[in-house]
Every structure is written in structure tokens, then in C-alpha cells.
Amino acid sequence: LQPEDTAVYYCNAERKFPWGNYWGQGT
């Protein structure tokens, strides 16, 4: 890890059939 990696990280899940998109709360 480098200082440039400092950020809030969010996970995401996307479903195609049926379509859906979901996000985590961030860490």
C-alpha cells in the first residue's frame, strides 16, 4: 500500500437479469 491508495473504498454488485445495482456503505 502507498499513500496514494488513501481513499474511501466502496464495494458494488451488479446483476444483469433482472438488472440491479447495489453499493456498500464505504470503508
PDB file of all heavy atoms in Angstrom:
ATOM      1  N   LEU A   1       0.823  -1.206   0.000  1.00  0.00           N
ATOM      2  CA  LEU A   1       0.000   0.000   0.000  1.00  0.00           C
ATOM      3  C   LEU A   1       0.858   1.258   0.000  1.00  0.00           C
ATOM      4  O   LEU A   1       1.917   1.310   0.626  1.00  0.00           O
ATOM      5  CB  LEU A   1      -0.936   0.000   1.199  1.00  0.00           C
ATOM      6  CG  LEU A   1      -2.154  -0.920   1.045  1.00  0.00           C
ATOM      7  CD1 LEU A   1      -2.788  -1.213   2.394  1.00  0.00           C
ATOM      8  CD2 LEU A   1      -3.169  -0.280   0.099  1.00  0.00           C
ATOM      9  N   GLN A   2       0.381   2.254  -0.715  1.00  0.00           N
ATOM     10  CA  GLN A   2       1.049   3.536  -0.866  1.00  0.00           C
ATOM     11  C   GLN A   2       0.128   4.644  -0.385  1.00  0.00           C
ATOM     12  O   GLN A   2      -1.094   4.476  -0.357  1.00  0.00           O
ATOM     13  CB  GLN A   2       1.424   3.770  -2.332  1.00  0.00           C
ATOM     14  CG  GLN A   2       2.280   2.677  -2.941  1.00  0.00           C
ATOM     15  CD  GLN A   2       2.378   2.773  -4.453  1.00  0.00           C
ATOM     16  OE1 GLN A   2       1.865   3.719  -5.063  1.00  0.00           O
ATOM     17  NE2 GLN A   2       3.044   1.813  -5.062  1.00  0.00           N
ATOM     18  N   PRO A   3       0.680   5.805  -0.018  1.00  0.00           N
ATOM     19  CA  PRO A   3      -0.186   6.916   0.395  1.00  0.00           C
ATOM     20  C   PRO A   3      -1.232   7.286  -0.646  1.00  0.00           C
ATOM     21  O   PRO A   3      -2.328   7.725  -0.279  1.00  0.00           O
ATOM     22  CB  PRO A   3       0.813   8.062   0.622  1.00  0.00           C
ATOM     23  CG  PRO A   3       2.070   7.375   1.023  1.00  0.00           C
ATOM     24  CD  PRO A   3       2.103   6.105   0.201  1.00  0.00           C
ATOM     25  N   GLU A   4      -0.921   7.108  -1.924  1.00  0.00           N
ATOM     26  CA  GLU A   4      -1.882   7.408  -2.985  1.00  0.00           C
ATOM     27  C   GLU A   4      -3.099   6.491  -2.958  1.00  0.00           C
ATOM     28  O   GLU A   4      -4.102   6.778  -3.624  1.00  0.00           O
ATOM     29  CB  GLU A   4      -1.216   7.302  -4.362  1.00  0.00           C
ATOM     30  CG  GLU A   4       0.068   8.101  -4.495  1.00  0.00           C
ATOM     31  CD  GLU A   4       1.282   7.304  -4.066  1.00  0.00           C
ATOM     32  OE1 GLU A   4       1.791   6.501  -4.874  1.00  0.00           O
ATOM     33  OE2 GLU A   4       1.737   7.497  -2.914  1.00  0.00           O
ATOM     34  N   ASP A   5      -3.034   5.391  -2.233  1.00  0.00           N
ATOM     35  CA  ASP A   5      -4.171   4.490  -2.099  1.00  0.00           C
ATOM     36  C   ASP A   5      -5.175   4.962  -1.054  1.00  0.00           C
ATOM     37  O   ASP A   5      -6.249   4.362  -0.922  1.00  0.00           O
ATOM     38  CB  ASP A   5      -3.705   3.079  -1.735  1.00  0.00           C
ATOM     39  CG  ASP A   5      -2.836   2.454  -2.815  1.00  0.00           C
ATOM     40  OD1 ASP A   5      -3.182   2.575  -4.008  1.00  0.00           O
ATOM     41  OD2 ASP A   5      -1.808   1.842  -2.454  1.00  0.00           O
ATOM     42  N   THR A   6      -4.838   5.992  -0.310  1.00  0.00           N
ATOM     43  CA  THR A   6      -5.741   6.512   0.713  1.00  0.00           C
ATOM     44  C   THR A   6      -7.037   6.996   0.073  1.00  0.00           C
ATOM     45  O   THR A   6      -7.029   7.831  -0.837  1.00  0.00           O
ATOM     46  CB  THR A   6      -5.078   7.655   1.485  1.00  0.00           C
ATOM     47  OG1 THR A   6      -3.955   7.149   2.211  1.00  0.00           O
ATOM     48  CG2 THR A   6      -6.053   8.285   2.463  1.00  0.00           C
ATOM     49  N   ALA A   7      -8.159   6.460   0.545  1.00  0.00           N
ATOM     50  CA  ALA A   7      -9.462   6.785  -0.033  1.00  0.00           C
ATOM     51  C   ALA A   7     -10.540   6.072   0.762  1.00  0.00           C
ATOM     52  O   ALA A   7     -10.252   5.216   1.601  1.00  0.00           O
ATOM     53  CB  ALA A   7      -9.529   6.353  -1.505  1.00  0.00           C
ATOM     54  N   VAL A   8     -11.777   6.429   0.471  1.00  0.00           N
ATOM     55  CA  VAL A   8     -12.907   5.633   0.917  1.00  0.00           C
ATOM     56  C   VAL A   8     -13.183   4.596  -0.163  1.00  0.00           C
ATOM     57  O   VAL A   8     -13.338   4.937  -1.336  1.00  0.00           O
ATOM     58  CB  VAL A   8     -14.158   6.491   1.173  1.00  0.00           C
ATOM     59  CG1 VAL A   8     -15.338   5.608   1.580  1.00  0.00           C
ATOM     60  CG2 VAL A   8     -13.879   7.524   2.259  1.00  0.00           C
ATOM     61  N   TYR A   9     -13.237   3.346   0.233  1.00  0.00           N
ATOM     62  CA  TYR A   9     -13.445   2.243  -0.694  1.00  0.00           C
ATOM     63  C   TYR A   9     -14.878   1.755  -0.599  1.00  0.00           C
ATOM     64  O   TYR A   9     -15.399   1.519   0.495  1.00  0.00           O
ATOM     65  CB  TYR A   9     -12.479   1.096  -0.390  1.00  0.00           C
ATOM     66  CG  TYR A   9     -11.074   1.373  -0.854  1.00  0.00           C
ATOM     67  CD1 TYR A   9     -10.298   2.322  -0.218  1.00  0.00           C
ATOM     68  CD2 TYR A   9     -10.531   0.684  -1.941  1.00  0.00           C
ATOM     69  CE1 TYR A   9      -9.009   2.599  -0.654  1.00  0.00           C
ATOM     70  CE2 TYR A   9      -9.247   0.947  -2.379  1.00  0.00           C
ATOM     71  CZ  TYR A   9      -8.489   1.907  -1.729  1.00  0.00           C
ATOM     72  OH  TYR A   9      -7.212   2.170  -2.170  1.00  0.00           O
ATOM     73  N   TYR A  10     -15.517   1.606  -1.757  1.00  0.00           N
ATOM     74  CA  TYR A  10     -16.900   1.164  -1.843  1.00  0.00           C
ATOM     75  C   TYR A  10     -16.980  -0.118  -2.662  1.00  0.00           C
ATOM     76  O   TYR A  10     -16.402  -0.203  -3.740  1.00  0.00           O
ATOM     77  CB  TYR A  10     -17.774   2.217  -2.527  1.00  0.00           C
ATOM     78  CG  TYR A  10     -17.822   3.552  -1.821  1.00  0.00           C
ATOM     79  CD1 TYR A  10     -16.911   4.556  -2.138  1.00  0.00           C
ATOM     80  CD2 TYR A  10     -18.790   3.815  -0.862  1.00  0.00           C
ATOM     81  CE1 TYR A  10     -16.955   5.783  -1.503  1.00  0.00           C
ATOM     82  CE2 TYR A  10     -18.838   5.036  -0.228  1.00  0.00           C
ATOM     83  CZ  TYR A  10     -17.920   6.019  -0.550  1.00  0.00           C
ATOM     84  OH  TYR A  10     -17.968   7.238   0.072  1.00  0.00           O
ATOM     85  N   CYS A  11     -17.721  -1.092  -2.172  1.00  0.00           N
ATOM     86  CA  CYS A  11     -17.978  -2.269  -2.986  1.00  0.00           C
ATOM     87  C   CYS A  11     -19.275  -2.089  -3.748  1.00  0.00           C
ATOM     88  O   CYS A  11     -20.162  -1.328  -3.356  1.00  0.00           O
ATOM     89  CB  CYS A  11     -17.998  -3.548  -2.146  1.00  0.00           C
ATOM     90  SG  CYS A  11     -19.349  -3.691  -0.967  1.00  0.00           S
ATOM     91  N   ASN A  12     -19.365  -2.796  -4.860  1.00  0.00           N
ATOM     92  CA  ASN A  12     -20.516  -2.693  -5.744  1.00  0.00           C
ATOM     93  C   ASN A  12     -20.861  -4.068  -6.290  1.00  0.00           C
ATOM     94  O   ASN A  12     -19.975  -4.876  -6.566  1.00  0.00           O
ATOM     95  CB  ASN A  12     -20.213  -1.734  -6.897  1.00  0.00           C
ATOM     96  CG  ASN A  12     -21.306  -1.713  -7.948  1.00  0.00           C
ATOM     97  OD1 ASN A  12     -21.197  -2.390  -8.978  1.00  0.00           O
ATOM     98  ND2 ASN A  12     -22.356  -0.958  -7.694  1.00  0.00           N
ATOM     99  N   ALA A  13     -22.145  -4.321  -6.436  1.00  0.00           N
ATOM    100  CA  ALA A  13     -22.619  -5.543  -7.074  1.00  0.00           C
ATOM    101  C   ALA A  13     -23.654  -5.184  -8.116  1.00  0.00           C
ATOM    102  O   ALA A  13     -24.549  -4.374  -7.855  1.00  0.00           O
ATOM    103  CB  ALA A  13     -23.217  -6.499  -6.040  1.00  0.00           C
ATOM    104  N   GLU A  14     -23.528  -5.769  -9.295  1.00  0.00           N
ATOM    105  CA  GLU A  14     -24.473  -5.512 -10.374  1.00  0.00           C
ATOM    106  C   GLU A  14     -24.989  -6.821 -10.928  1.00  0.00           C
ATOM    107  O   GLU A  14     -24.208  -7.728 -11.224  1.00  0.00           O
ATOM    108  CB  GLU A  14     -23.826  -4.691 -11.483  1.00  0.00           C
ATOM    109  CG  GLU A  14     -24.801  -4.335 -12.593  1.00  0.00           C
ATOM    110  CD  GLU A  14     -24.289  -3.241 -13.492  1.00  0.00           C
ATOM    111  OE1 GLU A  14     -24.144  -2.097 -13.003  1.00  0.00           O
ATOM    112  OE2 GLU A  14     -24.023  -3.532 -14.675  1.00  0.00           O
ATOM    113  N   ARG A  15     -26.293  -6.885 -11.055  1.00  0.00           N
ATOM    114  CA  ARG A  15     -26.967  -8.045 -11.607  1.00  0.00           C
ATOM    115  C   ARG A  15     -27.580  -7.678 -12.939  1.00  0.00           C
ATOM    116  O   ARG A  15     -28.204  -6.620 -13.072  1.00  0.00           O
ATOM    117  CB  ARG A  15     -28.044  -8.526 -10.618  1.00  0.00           C
ATOM    118  CG  ARG A  15     -28.744  -9.794 -11.020  1.00  0.00           C
ATOM    119  CD  ARG A  15     -29.748 -10.188  -9.937  1.00  0.00           C
ATOM    120  NE  ARG A  15     -30.770  -9.175  -9.774  1.00  0.00           N
ATOM    121  CZ  ARG A  15     -31.190  -8.701  -8.600  1.00  0.00           C
ATOM    122  NH1 ARG A  15     -30.670  -9.174  -7.471  1.00  0.00           N
ATOM    123  NH2 ARG A  15     -32.135  -7.782  -8.551  1.00  0.00           N
ATOM    124  N   LYS A  16     -27.408  -8.516 -13.945  1.00  0.00           N
ATOM    125  CA  LYS A  16     -27.907  -8.216 -15.280  1.00  0.00           C
ATOM    126  C   LYS A  16     -29.344  -8.678 -15.496  1.00  0.00           C
ATOM    127  O   LYS A  16     -30.126  -7.978 -16.131  1.00  0.00           O
ATOM    128  CB  LYS A  16     -26.999  -8.861 -16.330  1.00  0.00           C
ATOM    129  CG  LYS A  16     -25.608  -8.240 -16.432  1.00  0.00           C
ATOM    130  CD  LYS A  16     -25.698  -6.803 -16.911  1.00  0.00           C
ATOM    131  CE  LYS A  16     -24.317  -6.266 -17.279  1.00  0.00           C
ATOM    132  NZ  LYS A  16     -23.469  -6.082 -16.071  1.00  0.00           N
ATOM    133  N   PHE A  17     -29.699  -9.857 -14.972  1.00  0.00           N
ATOM    134  CA  PHE A  17     -31.022 -10.411 -15.208  1.00  0.00           C
ATOM    135  C   PHE A  17     -31.644 -10.927 -13.924  1.00  0.00           C
ATOM    136  O   PHE A  17     -31.242 -11.983 -13.425  1.00  0.00           O
ATOM    137  CB  PHE A  17     -30.947 -11.547 -16.244  1.00  0.00           C
ATOM    138  CG  PHE A  17     -30.360 -11.138 -17.553  1.00  0.00           C
ATOM    139  CD1 PHE A  17     -29.047 -11.458 -17.866  1.00  0.00           C
ATOM    140  CD2 PHE A  17     -31.105 -10.414 -18.471  1.00  0.00           C
ATOM    141  CE1 PHE A  17     -28.503 -11.077 -19.075  1.00  0.00           C
ATOM    142  CE2 PHE A  17     -30.559 -10.025 -19.680  1.00  0.00           C
ATOM    143  CZ  PHE A  17     -29.261 -10.358 -19.975  1.00  0.00           C
ATOM    144  N   PRO A  18     -32.652 -10.226 -13.359  1.00  0.00           N
ATOM    145  CA  PRO A  18     -33.058  -8.874 -13.754  1.00  0.00           C
ATOM    146  C   PRO A  18     -32.015  -7.864 -13.321  1.00  0.00           C
ATOM    147  O   PRO A  18     -31.231  -8.139 -12.400  1.00  0.00           O
ATOM    148  CB  PRO A  18     -34.387  -8.683 -13.027  1.00  0.00           C
ATOM    149  CG  PRO A  18     -34.240  -9.511 -11.794  1.00  0.00           C
ATOM    150  CD  PRO A  18     -33.443 -10.718 -12.206  1.00  0.00           C
ATOM    151  N   TRP A  19     -31.993  -6.705 -13.947  1.00  0.00           N
ATOM    152  CA  TRP A  19     -30.983  -5.705 -13.630  1.00  0.00           C
ATOM    153  C   TRP A  19     -31.123  -5.188 -12.200  1.00  0.00           C
ATOM    154  O   TRP A  19     -32.219  -4.917 -11.717  1.00  0.00           O
ATOM    155  CB  TRP A  19     -31.075  -4.530 -14.604  1.00  0.00           C
ATOM    156  CG  TRP A  19     -29.937  -3.568 -14.428  1.00  0.00           C
ATOM    157  CD1 TRP A  19     -28.724  -3.615 -15.036  1.00  0.00           C
ATOM    158  CD2 TRP A  19     -29.917  -2.429 -13.552  1.00  0.00           C
ATOM    159  NE1 TRP A  19     -27.934  -2.573 -14.606  1.00  0.00           N
ATOM    160  CE2 TRP A  19     -28.644  -1.832 -13.689  1.00  0.00           C
ATOM    161  CE3 TRP A  19     -30.848  -1.869 -12.677  1.00  0.00           C
ATOM    162  CZ2 TRP A  19     -28.277  -0.698 -12.979  1.00  0.00           C
ATOM    163  CZ3 TRP A  19     -30.482  -0.734 -11.963  1.00  0.00           C
ATOM    164  CH2 TRP A  19     -29.217  -0.163 -12.120  1.00  0.00           C
ATOM    165  N   GLY A  20     -29.987  -5.049 -11.539  1.00  0.00           N
ATOM    166  CA  GLY A  20     -29.935  -4.464 -10.217  1.00  0.00           C
ATOM    167  C   GLY A  20     -28.541  -3.968  -9.921  1.00  0.00           C
ATOM    168  O   GLY A  20     -27.557  -4.519 -10.423  1.00  0.00           O
ATOM    169  N   ASN A  21     -28.426  -2.927  -9.110  1.00  0.00           N
ATOM    170  CA  ASN A  21     -27.140  -2.345  -8.763  1.00  0.00           C
ATOM    171  C   ASN A  21     -27.156  -1.960  -7.287  1.00  0.00           C
ATOM    172  O   ASN A  21     -28.080  -1.286  -6.840  1.00  0.00           O
ATOM    173  CB  ASN A  21     -26.836  -1.133  -9.637  1.00  0.00           C
ATOM    174  CG  ASN A  21     -25.421  -0.641  -9.472  1.00  0.00           C
ATOM    175  OD1 ASN A  21     -25.155   0.228  -8.641  1.00  0.00           O
ATOM    176  ND2 ASN A  21     -24.507  -1.190 -10.252  1.00  0.00           N
ATOM    177  N   TYR A  22     -26.127  -2.377  -6.550  1.00  0.00           N
ATOM    178  CA  TYR A  22     -26.093  -2.196  -5.104  1.00  0.00           C
ATOM    179  C   TYR A  22     -24.724  -1.714  -4.664  1.00  0.00           C
ATOM    180  O   TYR A  22     -23.702  -2.071  -5.253  1.00  0.00           O
ATOM    181  CB  TYR A  22     -26.439  -3.517  -4.401  1.00  0.00           C
ATOM    182  CG  TYR A  22     -27.700  -4.151  -4.922  1.00  0.00           C
ATOM    183  CD1 TYR A  22     -27.661  -5.102  -5.928  1.00  0.00           C
ATOM    184  CD2 TYR A  22     -28.946  -3.783  -4.413  1.00  0.00           C
ATOM    185  CE1 TYR A  22     -28.816  -5.677  -6.423  1.00  0.00           C
ATOM    186  CE2 TYR A  22     -30.103  -4.346  -4.902  1.00  0.00           C
ATOM    187  CZ  TYR A  22     -30.036  -5.293  -5.904  1.00  0.00           C
ATOM    188  OH  TYR A  22     -31.193  -5.858  -6.392  1.00  0.00           O
ATOM    189  N   TRP A  23     -24.713  -0.904  -3.608  1.00  0.00           N
ATOM    190  CA  TRP A  23     -23.484  -0.310  -3.079  1.00  0.00           C
ATOM    191  C   TRP A  23     -23.333  -0.569  -1.597  1.00  0.00           C
ATOM    192  O   TRP A  23     -24.318  -0.579  -0.851  1.00  0.00           O
ATOM    193  CB  TRP A  23     -23.479   1.196  -3.310  1.00  0.00           C
ATOM    194  CG  TRP A  23     -23.333   1.586  -4.744  1.00  0.00           C
ATOM    195  CD1 TRP A  23     -24.331   1.825  -5.641  1.00  0.00           C
ATOM    196  CD2 TRP A  23     -22.102   1.779  -5.447  1.00  0.00           C
ATOM    197  NE1 TRP A  23     -23.802   2.158  -6.859  1.00  0.00           N
ATOM    198  CE2 TRP A  23     -22.444   2.140  -6.768  1.00  0.00           C
ATOM    199  CE3 TRP A  23     -20.762   1.694  -5.094  1.00  0.00           C
ATOM    200  CZ2 TRP A  23     -21.466   2.410  -7.733  1.00  0.00           C
ATOM    201  CZ3 TRP A  23     -19.801   1.956  -6.049  1.00  0.00           C
ATOM    202  CH2 TRP A  23     -20.164   2.311  -7.353  1.00  0.00           C
ATOM    203  N   GLY A  24     -22.091  -0.763  -1.170  1.00  0.00           N
ATOM    204  CA  GLY A  24     -21.777  -0.828   0.238  1.00  0.00           C
ATOM    205  C   GLY A  24     -21.706   0.554   0.847  1.00  0.00           C
ATOM    206  O   GLY A  24     -21.801   1.577   0.156  1.00  0.00           O
ATOM    207  N   GLN A  25     -21.518   0.603   2.167  1.00  0.00           N
ATOM    208  CA  GLN A  25     -21.549   1.876   2.887  1.00  0.00           C
ATOM    209  C   GLN A  25     -20.237   2.644   2.813  1.00  0.00           C
ATOM    210  O   GLN A  25     -20.197   3.821   3.176  1.00  0.00           O
ATOM    211  CB  GLN A  25     -21.914   1.631   4.364  1.00  0.00           C
ATOM    212  CG  GLN A  25     -20.760   1.177   5.251  1.00  0.00           C
ATOM    213  CD  GLN A  25     -20.437  -0.302   5.166  1.00  0.00           C
ATOM    214  OE1 GLN A  25     -20.949  -1.012   4.308  1.00  0.00           O
ATOM    215  NE2 GLN A  25     -19.580  -0.772   6.069  1.00  0.00           N
ATOM    216  N   GLY A  26     -19.184   2.014   2.352  1.00  0.00           N
ATOM    217  CA  GLY A  26     -17.872   2.630   2.276  1.00  0.00           C
ATOM    218  C   GLY A  26     -17.036   2.334   3.503  1.00  0.00           C
ATOM    219  O   GLY A  26     -17.549   2.277   4.624  1.00  0.00           O
ATOM    220  N   THR A  27     -15.742   2.144   3.299  1.00  0.00           N
ATOM    221  CA  THR A  27     -14.818   1.928   4.401  1.00  0.00           C
ATOM    222  C   THR A  27     -13.543   2.717   4.126  1.00  0.00           C
ATOM    223  O   THR A  27     -13.032   2.722   3.008  1.00  0.00           O
ATOM    224  CB  THR A  27     -14.520   0.430   4.606  1.00  0.00           C
ATOM    225  OG1 THR A  27     -13.706   0.252   5.766  1.00  0.00           O
ATOM    226  CG2 THR A  27     -13.819  -0.183   3.401  1.00  0.00           C
TER     227      THR A  27
END
